[in-house]
Amino acid sequence: MEIKNIVILGFGDMGKGIAQVCLMAGYDITVVDVSDEIIQKGLEYNKTGFERLEQKGKLPKGVTAAAMMEKLKVDKNLNNAVKNADLVIEAVSEKPDLKQQLCKKVIENSPDHCIFASNTSTISITEIAQRCNKPENVIGMHFFNPAPLMRLIEVIKGDKTLEETMDIGVKVAKTLPCLRGERYVARVLKDRPGFIVNRVIAPNALYNNYILDLAYEKKIPWEQIDADLSNPNAPMSSLTLADFTGRDIAYNASLYYAEKISPDFKPGKVLTMHYNNGTLGKKTGKGFYDWSNGRPQPDLSKKAGLVDRQVFAAISANEGCRVLEEGVVKSWKVIDEAIMAGMNFPGPMQYATTNYKELSKILEEYSEKLGKDYIKPCELLKSGKFVEMQ
């Protein structure tokens, strides 16, 4: 089946970026949103983006920014927008009910062959598809933000998704250009919380919370902990990024993983305090830092010396092994490549292939220290058998 008409639901931060890469790949795009303000901002974003690319000579040969924008249609009526759709990509807020309703509505009002793809970063694809009458046509297409710059797209199979649907999703994802390097598409073979990248990184929060709670107890300034946690080459420090993303997002993600994976994920004291006090970071003007005068520039010259970075490496490698045990992917190389493409830092698995014994020992020690059974080394890490899973 050939995909020509793509409809994007939601024209906010994610939707406008997805629209841009789909237009650059030559598809006819219709975006659906109910807010005039969001539509206006999305159109301006794409127009400015294409004009910049045209100036730099980065648009396809003979294609102008104006021609790109002509292929971008806007429709406030979902039923009308999807009547000729081959693929619908949903990029609305992370609310299971809303995504289920949209999925049902799209499947009922679109052609039989139409595929519904959710850009969810956490919600189960099987759950999203459960109210619609063609769950075999539903997949996840998880873009990383901003879509034009981040190389990774995870394509996720729900419990009832047809292999053919997955193949079409992967094929389309591979056609979408990336402005920084080559697009990388990872097949997620089992619908498990967090898929690949977010799942492997998620349990690092257990150690992070422990460090933050300890620092709060000892009255250590956040800047010193930030110096411990931050990579000097990263575009922003760890706690600045935590504020930028939003403490409410971290809090809700912790609750989600606590429900779906293990109660050990429940939010730490500092995170709970931020959430309850409404100090959510950039969006409220205060989190770890004060944002009232723009982005903070913390002084990272002095470290607290509380963080052992090997613990993060051990926790991520262990979670990578769990992802392999669960059949989410079949190769540790896919995990490393997906993390590099989605987060711009190396995944944990290559290092673990030669250091798994030492990492297992660290996890035995720290699962006791943190009182978290979840981070005990799993069998695949302890045995080193994952090394063969290339």
Protein backbone atom coordinates (compact mmCIF):
# COMPACT_ATOMS: atom_id res chain seq x y z
CA MET A 1 0.00 0.00 0.00
CA GLU A 2 1.27 3.45 -0.93
CA ILE A 3 0.99 6.23 1.66
CA LYS A 4 0.20 9.64 0.14
CA ASN A 5 -2.18 11.48 2.47
CA ILE A 6 -1.07 11.93 6.07
CA VAL A 7 -3.26 13.61 8.69
CA ILE A 8 -1.70 14.94 11.89
CA LEU A 9 -3.91 15.42 14.95
CA GLY A 10 -2.59 18.20 17.16
CA PHE A 11 -0.44 21.07 15.84
CA GLY A 12 1.44 21.88 19.03
CA ASP A 13 5.15 21.35 19.71
CA MET A 14 5.26 17.75 18.47
CA GLY A 15 2.62 18.02 15.73
CA LYS A 16 4.24 21.00 13.96
CA GLY A 17 7.64 19.25 13.91
CA ILE A 18 6.11 16.01 12.58
CA ALA A 19 4.27 18.02 9.91
CA GLN A 20 7.56 19.59 8.82
CA VAL A 21 9.38 16.29 8.25
CA CYS A 22 6.35 14.70 6.54
CA LEU A 23 6.10 17.66 4.15
CA MET A 24 9.84 17.44 3.41
CA ALA A 25 9.35 13.76 2.52
CA GLY A 26 6.78 14.78 -0.12
CA TYR A 27 3.51 13.69 1.54
CA ASP A 28 0.27 15.68 1.35
CA ILE A 29 -0.41 16.83 4.90
CA THR A 30 -3.57 17.91 6.69
CA VAL A 31 -3.30 19.06 10.29
CA VAL A 32 -6.26 19.07 12.66
CA ASP A 33 -6.46 21.30 15.71
CA VAL A 34 -9.29 23.16 17.43
CA SER A 35 -7.24 26.16 18.61
CA ASP A 36 -6.79 29.09 16.19
CA GLU A 37 -3.78 30.24 18.20
CA ILE A 38 -2.03 26.85 18.01
CA ILE A 39 -2.82 26.58 14.26
CA GLN A 40 -1.36 30.05 13.65
CA LYS A 41 1.82 29.28 15.62
CA GLY A 42 2.22 25.95 13.81
CA LEU A 43 1.88 27.56 10.38
CA GLU A 44 4.39 30.28 11.30
CA TYR A 45 6.82 27.65 12.63
CA ASN A 46 6.67 25.65 9.40
CA LYS A 47 6.81 28.70 7.10
CA THR A 48 9.86 30.12 8.94
CA GLY A 49 11.49 26.66 9.06
CA PHE A 50 11.08 26.10 5.31
CA GLU A 51 12.28 29.62 4.45
CA ARG A 52 15.46 29.03 6.48
CA LEU A 53 16.02 25.67 4.80
CA GLU A 54 15.45 27.24 1.38
CA GLN A 55 18.09 29.93 2.15
CA LYS A 56 20.54 27.22 3.20
CA GLY A 57 19.79 25.14 0.10
CA LYS A 58 18.49 22.24 2.18
CA LEU A 59 15.11 21.76 0.53
CA PRO A 60 14.74 19.11 -2.22
CA LYS A 61 16.02 20.36 -5.59
CA GLY A 62 13.64 22.76 -7.32
CA VAL A 63 11.27 22.92 -4.30
CA THR A 64 10.48 26.28 -2.69
CA ALA A 65 9.29 27.07 0.83
CA ALA A 66 6.04 28.38 -0.69
CA ALA A 67 5.49 25.09 -2.56
CA MET A 68 6.03 23.18 0.70
CA MET A 69 3.45 25.29 2.50
CA GLU A 70 0.92 24.70 -0.32
CA LYS A 71 0.97 20.98 0.56
CA LEU A 72 0.02 21.80 4.16
CA LYS A 73 -3.75 21.95 4.71
CA VAL A 74 -5.56 22.81 7.95
CA ASP A 75 -8.94 21.40 8.96
CA LYS A 76 -10.80 21.81 12.26
CA ASN A 77 -13.23 18.99 11.40
CA LEU A 78 -11.61 15.63 12.18
CA ASN A 79 -14.24 13.48 10.39
CA ASN A 80 -13.78 15.49 7.20
CA ALA A 81 -9.96 15.59 7.46
CA VAL A 82 -9.52 11.80 7.68
CA LYS A 83 -11.94 10.72 4.93
CA ASN A 84 -9.09 10.20 2.41
CA ALA A 85 -6.29 9.54 4.91
CA ASP A 86 -3.79 6.73 4.42
CA LEU A 87 -2.04 7.40 7.73
CA VAL A 88 -3.13 9.44 10.75
CA ILE A 89 -0.48 10.47 13.31
CA GLU A 90 -1.87 11.55 16.66
CA ALA A 91 0.23 14.09 18.62
CA VAL A 92 -2.15 15.30 21.34
CA SER A 93 -1.55 15.43 25.11
CA GLU A 94 -0.80 12.24 27.08
CA LYS A 95 -4.36 11.39 28.14
CA PRO A 96 -5.39 7.76 27.54
CA ASP A 97 -9.12 8.56 27.17
CA LEU A 98 -8.50 11.29 24.59
CA LYS A 99 -6.19 9.05 22.54
CA GLN A 100 -8.70 6.17 22.64
CA GLN A 101 -11.54 8.45 21.49
CA LEU A 102 -9.45 9.83 18.62
CA CYS A 103 -8.37 6.35 17.56
CA LYS A 104 -12.00 5.12 17.51
CA LYS A 105 -13.20 8.21 15.62
CA VAL A 106 -10.40 8.02 13.02
CA ILE A 107 -10.91 4.29 12.32
CA GLU A 108 -14.69 4.83 11.92
CA ASN A 109 -14.36 7.79 9.53
CA SER A 110 -11.33 6.88 7.39
CA PRO A 111 -10.80 4.37 4.54
CA ASP A 112 -10.43 0.67 5.48
CA HIS A 113 -6.69 0.70 4.85
CA CYS A 114 -5.98 3.78 7.02
CA ILE A 115 -3.37 3.32 9.76
CA PHE A 116 -3.68 5.13 13.09
CA ALA A 117 -0.29 5.93 14.66
CA SER A 118 0.05 7.38 18.15
CA ASN A 119 3.03 9.54 19.09
CA THR A 120 2.61 8.59 22.76
CA SER A 121 5.80 8.32 24.81
CA THR A 122 4.28 6.17 27.56
CA ILE A 123 0.73 4.93 26.98
CA SER A 124 0.19 1.36 25.80
CA ILE A 125 -0.65 1.08 22.07
CA THR A 126 -2.86 -1.93 22.86
CA GLU A 127 -4.79 0.25 25.35
CA ILE A 128 -5.19 3.07 22.80
CA ALA A 129 -6.55 0.57 20.22
CA GLN A 130 -8.93 -1.27 22.54
CA ARG A 131 -12.09 0.75 21.76
CA CYS A 132 -11.67 0.82 17.97
CA ASN A 133 -12.94 -1.88 15.61
CA LYS A 134 -9.62 -2.31 13.74
CA PRO A 135 -6.85 -2.68 16.37
CA GLU A 136 -4.78 -4.44 13.68
CA ASN A 137 -4.40 -1.01 11.98
CA VAL A 138 -3.00 0.73 15.08
CA ILE A 139 0.70 1.33 15.82
CA GLY A 140 2.87 3.68 17.82
CA MET A 141 5.16 6.16 16.04
CA HIS A 142 7.11 7.78 18.85
CA PHE A 143 9.07 10.82 17.61
CA PHE A 144 11.59 12.56 19.84
CA ASN A 145 11.34 16.31 20.31
CA PRO A 146 12.01 18.30 18.14
CA ALA A 147 11.11 15.86 15.37
CA PRO A 148 13.11 17.61 12.60
CA LEU A 149 16.34 17.44 14.66
CA MET A 150 16.14 14.21 16.69
CA ARG A 151 17.04 11.14 14.65
CA LEU A 152 14.97 8.46 16.39
CA ILE A 153 11.47 7.19 15.65
CA GLU A 154 10.28 4.15 17.63
CA VAL A 155 7.61 2.19 15.73
CA ILE A 156 5.58 0.13 18.22
CA LYS A 157 3.50 -3.00 17.74
CA GLY A 158 0.31 -3.34 19.79
CA ASP A 159 -0.86 -6.83 20.81
CA LYS A 160 -3.21 -7.02 17.79
CA THR A 161 -1.19 -4.98 15.25
CA LEU A 162 -0.66 -6.75 11.92
CA GLU A 163 2.93 -7.29 10.77
CA GLU A 164 2.00 -5.57 7.49
CA THR A 165 0.86 -2.46 9.42
CA MET A 166 4.18 -2.40 11.28
CA ASP A 167 6.10 -2.73 7.99
CA ILE A 168 4.25 0.25 6.48
CA GLY A 169 4.90 2.33 9.63
CA VAL A 170 8.61 1.52 9.51
CA LYS A 171 8.78 2.23 5.77
CA VAL A 172 7.14 5.68 6.19
CA ALA A 173 9.32 6.53 9.21
CA LYS A 174 12.45 5.76 7.17
CA THR A 175 11.39 8.23 4.47
CA LEU A 176 11.17 11.15 6.93
CA PRO A 177 14.30 13.31 6.78
CA CYS A 178 16.26 14.48 9.80
CA LEU A 179 18.18 17.76 9.75
CA ARG A 180 20.92 16.39 12.03
CA GLY A 181 22.24 13.12 10.71
CA GLU A 182 20.55 10.01 9.42
CA ARG A 183 17.07 8.98 10.55
CA TYR A 184 17.11 5.87 12.78
CA VAL A 185 13.96 3.76 13.05
CA ALA A 186 13.69 1.20 15.86
CA ARG A 187 11.11 -1.59 15.75
CA VAL A 188 9.49 -2.13 19.15
CA LEU A 189 8.29 -5.73 19.01
CA LYS A 190 6.35 -5.81 22.30
CA ASP A 191 4.08 -3.13 23.73
CA ARG A 192 5.73 -2.53 27.12
CA PRO A 193 5.81 0.69 29.22
CA GLY A 194 8.33 3.28 27.96
CA PHE A 195 9.10 1.21 24.80
CA ILE A 196 12.93 1.28 24.38
CA VAL A 197 14.64 4.58 25.22
CA ASN A 198 12.37 5.96 27.95
CA ARG A 199 12.15 2.50 29.53
CA VAL A 200 15.92 1.94 29.72
CA ILE A 201 16.45 5.40 31.20
CA ALA A 202 13.41 5.36 33.56
CA PRO A 203 14.89 3.46 36.55
CA ASN A 204 17.77 5.94 36.80
CA ALA A 205 15.16 8.06 38.60
CA LEU A 206 15.41 5.66 41.56
CA TYR A 207 19.05 6.59 42.14
CA ASN A 208 18.43 10.23 41.19
CA ASN A 209 15.66 10.52 43.81
CA TYR A 210 17.90 8.94 46.44
CA ILE A 211 20.66 11.51 45.72
CA LEU A 212 18.26 14.48 45.72
CA ASP A 213 16.56 13.38 48.95
CA LEU A 214 19.95 12.86 50.61
CA ALA A 215 21.15 16.30 49.48
CA TYR A 216 17.97 17.94 50.80
CA GLU A 217 18.39 16.18 54.14
CA LYS A 218 22.05 17.29 54.37
CA LYS A 219 21.17 20.84 53.18
CA ILE A 220 23.62 20.59 50.25
CA PRO A 221 23.04 23.35 47.62
CA TRP A 222 21.36 22.15 44.43
CA GLU A 223 24.19 23.58 42.33
CA GLN A 224 26.69 21.16 43.92
CA ILE A 225 24.42 18.17 43.24
CA ASP A 226 23.88 19.50 39.71
CA ALA A 227 27.68 19.55 39.26
CA ASP A 228 27.75 15.89 40.37
CA LEU A 229 24.98 14.85 37.98
CA SER A 230 25.77 16.93 34.88
CA ASN A 231 27.74 16.08 31.79
CA PRO A 232 29.98 19.12 31.09
CA ASN A 233 29.32 18.78 27.32
CA ALA A 234 25.52 18.71 27.62
CA PRO A 235 23.57 21.73 26.33
CA MET A 236 22.10 22.29 29.81
CA SER A 237 22.82 20.96 33.30
CA SER A 238 20.79 18.03 34.70
CA LEU A 239 18.70 20.02 37.16
CA THR A 240 18.16 22.87 34.67
CA LEU A 241 16.86 20.23 32.23
CA ALA A 242 14.63 18.75 34.98
CA ASP A 243 13.14 22.22 35.53
CA PHE A 244 12.83 22.81 31.77
CA THR A 245 10.97 19.52 31.20
CA GLY A 246 8.68 20.09 34.19
CA ARG A 247 8.63 18.47 37.60
CA ASP A 248 4.97 17.49 37.08
CA ILE A 249 5.99 15.45 34.01
CA ALA A 250 8.61 13.59 36.11
CA TYR A 251 6.11 13.09 38.96
CA ASN A 252 3.40 11.66 36.67
CA ALA A 253 5.94 9.43 34.85
CA SER A 254 7.04 8.03 38.25
CA LEU A 255 3.43 7.24 39.17
CA TYR A 256 2.88 5.58 35.77
CA TYR A 257 5.95 3.33 36.10
CA ALA A 258 5.08 2.62 39.76
CA GLU A 259 1.69 1.32 38.58
CA LYS A 260 2.86 -0.52 35.46
CA ILE A 261 6.31 -1.87 36.40
CA SER A 262 7.13 -1.69 40.13
CA PRO A 263 6.09 0.30 43.24
CA ASP A 264 9.83 1.09 43.61
CA PHE A 265 9.32 3.84 41.00
CA LYS A 266 7.11 5.94 43.27
CA PRO A 267 8.25 9.60 43.43
CA GLY A 268 10.95 10.60 45.92
CA LYS A 269 10.50 13.18 48.71
CA VAL A 270 12.00 16.13 46.80
CA LEU A 271 9.99 15.37 43.64
CA THR A 272 6.77 15.03 45.67
CA MET A 273 7.55 18.30 47.47
CA HIS A 274 8.06 20.12 44.14
CA TYR A 275 4.81 18.70 42.80
CA ASN A 276 2.75 19.53 45.91
CA ASN A 277 4.23 23.04 46.21
CA GLY A 278 3.66 23.81 42.53
CA THR A 279 7.38 24.54 42.00
CA LEU A 280 7.36 22.75 38.66
CA GLY A 281 10.34 24.47 37.03
CA LYS A 282 10.33 26.80 34.01
CA LYS A 283 6.53 26.75 33.56
CA THR A 284 5.93 28.11 37.11
CA GLY A 285 9.09 30.27 37.31
CA LYS A 286 10.69 28.14 40.02
CA GLY A 287 11.84 24.55 40.50
CA PHE A 288 15.37 23.67 41.58
CA TYR A 289 16.26 27.13 40.27
CA ASP A 290 14.64 30.54 39.83
CA TRP A 291 13.51 31.10 36.21
CA SER A 292 12.01 34.58 36.68
CA ASN A 293 14.89 36.22 34.77
CA GLY A 294 15.15 33.58 32.04
CA ARG A 295 17.19 30.39 31.95
CA PRO A 296 19.35 30.02 35.07
CA GLN A 297 23.13 29.64 34.78
CA PRO A 298 24.07 27.51 37.81
CA ASP A 299 27.63 27.62 39.15
CA LEU A 300 28.89 24.05 38.67
CA SER A 301 32.44 24.69 39.87
CA LYS A 302 31.98 22.78 43.14
CA LYS A 303 30.81 19.16 43.37
CA ALA A 304 29.10 17.56 46.37
CA GLY A 305 30.79 14.24 45.59
CA LEU A 306 27.66 12.17 46.30
CA VAL A 307 27.21 10.59 42.88
CA ASP A 308 28.80 7.40 41.55
CA ARG A 309 28.16 7.52 37.78
CA GLN A 310 28.78 3.77 37.51
CA VAL A 311 25.47 3.26 39.33
CA PHE A 312 23.59 4.94 36.45
CA ALA A 313 25.48 2.75 33.94
CA ALA A 314 24.59 -0.39 35.96
CA ILE A 315 20.89 0.49 36.33
CA SER A 316 20.49 1.30 32.60
CA ALA A 317 22.33 -1.87 31.49
CA ASN A 318 20.12 -3.95 33.80
CA GLU A 319 16.98 -2.37 32.36
CA GLY A 320 18.33 -2.97 28.85
CA CYS A 321 18.60 -6.65 29.76
CA ARG A 322 15.01 -6.65 31.05
CA VAL A 323 13.90 -5.15 27.71
CA LEU A 324 15.70 -8.03 25.97
CA GLU A 325 14.18 -10.62 28.36
CA GLU A 326 10.70 -9.26 27.63
CA GLY A 327 11.26 -9.45 23.84
CA VAL A 328 10.77 -5.70 23.28
CA VAL A 329 13.85 -5.89 21.04
CA LYS A 330 16.09 -8.82 20.14
CA SER A 331 19.47 -7.08 20.03
CA TRP A 332 21.41 -5.02 22.58
CA LYS A 333 22.82 -3.03 19.66
CA VAL A 334 19.33 -1.71 18.85
CA ILE A 335 19.08 -0.37 22.43
CA ASP A 336 22.39 1.50 22.16
CA GLU A 337 21.63 2.84 18.68
CA ALA A 338 18.14 3.99 19.71
CA ILE A 339 19.47 5.85 22.77
CA MET A 340 22.17 7.56 20.73
CA ALA A 341 19.61 8.57 18.08
CA GLY A 342 16.96 9.69 20.59
CA MET A 343 19.05 11.24 23.37
CA ASN A 344 22.44 12.08 21.81
CA PHE A 345 24.42 10.08 24.35
CA PRO A 346 25.78 6.50 24.24
CA GLY A 347 23.58 3.63 25.39
CA PRO A 348 24.74 1.35 28.24
CA MET A 349 24.94 -2.02 26.53
CA GLN A 350 28.31 -1.96 24.70
CA TYR A 351 30.06 -1.07 27.97
CA ALA A 352 28.10 -3.77 29.81
CA THR A 353 29.28 -6.51 27.41
CA THR A 354 32.74 -6.43 29.05
CA ASN A 355 31.79 -5.09 32.51
CA TYR A 356 28.58 -6.96 33.40
CA LYS A 357 30.10 -8.72 36.44
CA GLU A 358 31.22 -5.45 38.01
CA LEU A 359 27.86 -3.78 37.17
CA SER A 360 25.96 -6.70 38.75
CA LYS A 361 28.01 -6.31 41.94
CA ILE A 362 27.22 -2.56 42.06
CA LEU A 363 23.49 -3.31 41.71
CA GLU A 364 23.55 -5.88 44.54
CA GLU A 365 25.11 -3.23 46.78
CA TYR A 366 22.86 -0.33 45.75
CA SER A 367 19.57 -2.25 45.77
CA GLU A 368 20.30 -2.77 49.50
CA LYS A 369 21.42 0.83 50.01
CA LEU A 370 18.35 2.33 48.32
CA GLY A 371 15.96 -0.33 49.64
CA LYS A 372 14.83 -0.98 46.04
CA ASP A 373 14.56 -4.63 44.99
CA TYR A 374 13.76 -3.56 41.44
CA ILE A 375 17.37 -2.62 40.70
CA LYS A 376 18.78 -6.03 41.70
CA PRO A 377 20.62 -7.47 38.69
CA CYS A 378 18.41 -9.62 36.48
CA GLU A 379 19.53 -13.05 35.29
CA LEU A 380 20.46 -11.92 31.78
CA LEU A 381 22.86 -9.26 33.10
CA LYS A 382 24.40 -11.50 35.80
CA SER A 383 25.02 -14.37 33.38
CA GLY A 384 26.30 -12.12 30.59
CA LYS A 385 24.20 -14.11 28.10
CA PHE A 386 22.84 -10.88 26.60
CA VAL A 387 26.30 -10.43 24.97
CA GLU A 388 25.30 -13.01 22.33
CA MET A 389 22.10 -11.09 21.52
CA GLN A 390 23.54 -8.84 18.83
